[in-house]
Amino acid sequence: MRLGALKSLAPMVAVCAAAAWLSAAIWTLQGERAERAVFIALASKRDVAPPDDASAELVFARAHFLLVRDRIDEAQSLVGRIVGQGDRHVTARFYYDVGNARARRAVGAVEASQIDKAIPEVRLAKDAFRASLRADPGLWDARYNLDVVMRLVRDFPEFEGLEEETKAQPKKLWTDLPGRPRGLP
């Protein structure tokens, strides 16, 4: 009798398993559809915040949207969500975009002769390109852009023991930012 009872329950168990699999598949498709809607909105130049459980690609798409529009501080608030998911290629592309946004600001400041504003932007761009290369050492675009940005501001070692002498000296006439590289010498 037990074997007969198990045989009568087998179709019911199979139906329940199929229903569970179907509901899980529908749930997954619904999530992918929601992510696709956010991707489409961002591509059509509408600012849409991704859900909290969004993939790293979707959060990166929002960060890219913000960085292209020079909203760097808002984009950098997403770094935890991107880095936390552990995809090193997405992390590298995020830092690469941050470096490009900072470099655009720096070049704009140089062209507007706002040297004091350009120097910190160049240093932040360097840091972003270096972080990109730490995440993905094979990202040659980041390596190239780091090389270009390094030519904007020279890095000199700081001398700690000469504080009293530097206070007495007049302001430097030569800046740390000689100008934007323009091509062959």
Protein backbone atom coordinates (compact mmCIF):
# COMPACT_ATOMS: atom_id res chain seq x y z
CA MET A 1 0.00 0.00 0.00
CA ARG A 2 2.80 2.41 0.66
CA LEU A 3 4.17 1.95 -2.82
CA GLY A 4 0.74 2.63 -4.27
CA ALA A 5 0.40 5.79 -2.16
CA LEU A 6 3.80 7.01 -3.37
CA LYS A 7 2.82 6.35 -6.99
CA SER A 8 -0.31 8.42 -6.57
CA LEU A 9 1.70 11.31 -5.01
CA ALA A 10 4.36 11.31 -7.76
CA PRO A 11 2.28 13.29 -10.29
CA MET A 12 1.36 15.82 -7.61
CA VAL A 13 5.04 16.27 -6.64
CA ALA A 14 6.00 16.63 -10.30
CA VAL A 15 3.35 19.31 -10.83
CA CYS A 16 4.50 21.19 -7.71
CA ALA A 17 8.15 21.04 -8.85
CA ALA A 18 7.20 22.27 -12.32
CA ALA A 19 5.15 25.10 -10.80
CA ALA A 20 8.08 26.11 -8.57
CA TRP A 21 10.48 26.07 -11.52
CA LEU A 22 8.02 28.08 -13.64
CA SER A 23 7.53 30.71 -10.94
CA ALA A 24 11.31 31.04 -10.48
CA ALA A 25 11.76 31.45 -14.24
CA ILE A 26 9.02 34.10 -14.36
CA TRP A 27 10.62 35.93 -11.41
CA THR A 28 14.00 35.92 -13.19
CA LEU A 29 12.50 37.12 -16.46
CA GLN A 30 10.63 39.88 -14.65
CA GLY A 31 13.89 41.08 -13.05
CA GLU A 32 15.70 41.01 -16.40
CA ARG A 33 12.84 42.92 -17.98
CA ALA A 34 13.00 45.58 -15.27
CA GLU A 35 16.79 45.92 -15.76
CA ARG A 36 16.33 46.17 -19.53
CA ALA A 37 13.80 48.97 -18.98
CA VAL A 38 16.35 50.90 -16.92
CA PHE A 39 19.04 50.34 -19.59
CA ILE A 40 16.66 51.64 -22.26
CA ALA A 41 15.74 54.69 -20.17
CA LEU A 42 19.41 55.55 -19.60
CA ALA A 43 20.17 55.07 -23.30
CA SER A 44 17.35 57.45 -24.18
CA LYS A 45 18.94 60.10 -21.91
CA ARG A 46 16.51 59.80 -19.01
CA ASP A 47 18.00 59.57 -15.53
CA VAL A 48 16.61 56.47 -13.84
CA ALA A 49 18.04 55.02 -10.65
CA PRO A 50 18.66 51.28 -10.78
CA PRO A 51 17.04 49.08 -8.12
CA ASP A 52 19.04 48.10 -5.05
CA ASP A 53 19.58 44.53 -6.30
CA ALA A 54 20.72 45.64 -9.78
CA SER A 55 23.65 44.01 -11.53
CA ALA A 56 27.05 45.69 -11.66
CA GLU A 57 26.54 46.38 -15.39
CA LEU A 58 23.33 48.30 -14.71
CA VAL A 59 24.86 50.35 -11.88
CA PHE A 60 27.83 51.07 -14.16
CA ALA A 61 25.42 52.21 -16.90
CA ARG A 62 23.92 54.74 -14.47
CA ALA A 63 27.39 55.86 -13.36
CA HIS A 64 28.42 56.31 -17.00
CA PHE A 65 25.25 58.34 -17.61
CA LEU A 66 26.18 60.63 -14.70
CA LEU A 67 29.87 60.92 -15.60
CA VAL A 68 29.17 61.93 -19.19
CA ARG A 69 27.01 64.74 -17.80
CA ASP A 70 29.78 65.92 -15.43
CA ARG A 71 27.94 64.75 -12.30
CA ILE A 72 31.04 63.09 -10.87
CA ASP A 73 30.10 63.26 -7.18
CA GLU A 74 26.81 61.46 -7.80
CA ALA A 75 28.56 58.81 -9.87
CA GLN A 76 31.21 58.21 -7.24
CA SER A 77 28.50 57.46 -4.70
CA LEU A 78 27.85 54.28 -6.73
CA VAL A 79 31.40 52.95 -6.36
CA GLY A 80 30.50 50.71 -3.43
CA ARG A 81 27.75 49.00 -5.36
CA ILE A 82 30.00 48.41 -8.36
CA VAL A 83 33.12 47.26 -6.52
CA GLY A 84 31.09 45.20 -4.06
CA GLN A 85 29.84 42.87 -6.78
CA GLY A 86 33.39 41.79 -7.59
CA ASP A 87 33.40 42.15 -11.38
CA ARG A 88 36.88 43.54 -12.01
CA HIS A 89 36.19 44.50 -15.64
CA VAL A 90 33.18 46.62 -14.67
CA THR A 91 35.18 48.14 -11.81
CA ALA A 92 38.03 49.00 -14.19
CA ARG A 93 35.66 50.61 -16.69
CA PHE A 94 34.02 52.64 -13.89
CA TYR A 95 37.35 54.05 -12.69
CA TYR A 96 38.39 54.64 -16.31
CA ASP A 97 35.24 56.74 -16.85
CA VAL A 98 35.86 58.64 -13.60
CA GLY A 99 39.41 59.39 -14.76
CA ASN A 100 38.14 60.62 -18.12
CA ALA A 101 35.56 62.88 -16.46
CA ARG A 102 38.21 64.33 -14.15
CA ALA A 103 40.60 64.81 -17.07
CA ARG A 104 37.91 66.65 -19.06
CA ARG A 105 37.41 69.00 -16.11
CA ALA A 106 41.15 69.53 -15.79
CA VAL A 107 41.64 70.30 -19.48
CA GLY A 108 38.68 72.70 -19.37
CA ALA A 109 40.23 74.46 -16.40
CA VAL A 110 43.61 74.68 -18.15
CA GLU A 111 42.00 76.15 -21.25
CA ALA A 112 40.21 78.69 -19.04
CA SER A 113 43.54 79.50 -17.31
CA GLN A 114 42.26 78.28 -13.94
CA ILE A 115 45.45 76.49 -12.95
CA ASP A 116 44.60 76.16 -9.25
CA LYS A 117 41.37 74.40 -10.14
CA ALA A 118 43.03 72.07 -12.66
CA ILE A 119 45.78 70.67 -10.43
CA PRO A 120 43.52 68.71 -8.02
CA GLU A 121 41.41 67.45 -10.92
CA VAL A 122 44.52 66.11 -12.64
CA ARG A 123 45.63 64.36 -9.47
CA LEU A 124 42.18 62.80 -9.01
CA ALA A 125 42.22 61.68 -12.65
CA LYS A 126 45.60 60.02 -12.10
CA ASP A 127 44.25 58.22 -9.04
CA ALA A 128 41.22 57.00 -10.98
CA PHE A 129 43.31 55.72 -13.90
CA ARG A 130 45.65 53.93 -11.46
CA ALA A 131 42.65 52.30 -9.74
CA SER A 132 41.39 51.22 -13.14
CA LEU A 133 44.73 49.62 -13.92
CA ARG A 134 44.79 47.87 -10.53
CA ALA A 135 41.42 46.33 -11.33
CA ASP A 136 42.36 45.37 -14.91
CA PRO A 137 46.05 45.74 -15.80
CA GLY A 138 45.30 44.98 -19.44
CA LEU A 139 43.12 48.06 -19.99
CA TRP A 140 45.40 49.90 -22.41
CA ASP A 141 43.10 52.90 -22.79
CA ALA A 142 43.52 53.64 -19.07
CA ARG A 143 47.29 53.26 -19.40
CA TYR A 144 47.37 55.68 -22.34
CA ASN A 145 45.12 58.25 -20.64
CA LEU A 146 47.21 58.02 -17.46
CA ASP A 147 50.28 58.80 -19.53
CA VAL A 148 48.59 61.83 -21.09
CA VAL A 149 47.30 63.14 -17.76
CA MET A 150 50.70 62.65 -16.12
CA ARG A 151 52.10 65.12 -18.62
CA LEU A 152 49.72 67.83 -17.42
CA VAL A 153 51.10 68.12 -13.87
CA ARG A 154 54.58 67.18 -12.80
CA ASP A 155 54.92 65.22 -9.57
CA PHE A 156 57.65 66.60 -7.35
CA PRO A 157 58.59 65.05 -4.01
CA GLU A 158 57.56 67.13 -1.03
CA PHE A 159 60.31 68.32 1.30
CA GLU A 160 59.14 68.24 4.90
CA GLY A 161 62.12 69.90 6.62
CA LEU A 162 61.99 73.10 4.58
CA GLU A 163 58.71 74.53 5.89
CA GLU A 164 60.31 77.64 7.40
CA GLU A 165 62.27 78.39 4.23
CA THR A 166 59.23 78.05 2.00
CA LYS A 167 57.21 80.49 4.09
CA ALA A 168 59.88 83.15 3.65
CA GLN A 169 60.21 82.62 -0.11
CA PRO A 170 58.05 84.59 -2.54
CA LYS A 171 55.36 82.83 -4.52
CA LYS A 172 56.64 80.65 -7.36
CA LEU A 173 56.48 82.21 -10.77
CA TRP A 174 56.58 78.83 -12.54
CA THR A 175 53.46 76.75 -12.03
CA ASP A 176 53.15 72.99 -11.74
CA LEU A 177 50.90 72.99 -14.77
CA PRO A 178 52.84 74.05 -17.86
CA GLY A 179 49.99 73.51 -20.28
CA ARG A 180 48.08 70.95 -22.25
CA PRO A 181 50.19 68.65 -24.44
CA ARG A 182 49.58 69.62 -28.03
CA GLY A 183 51.59 67.13 -30.09
CA LEU A 184 55.12 66.95 -31.36
CA PRO A 185 57.74 69.27 -29.84
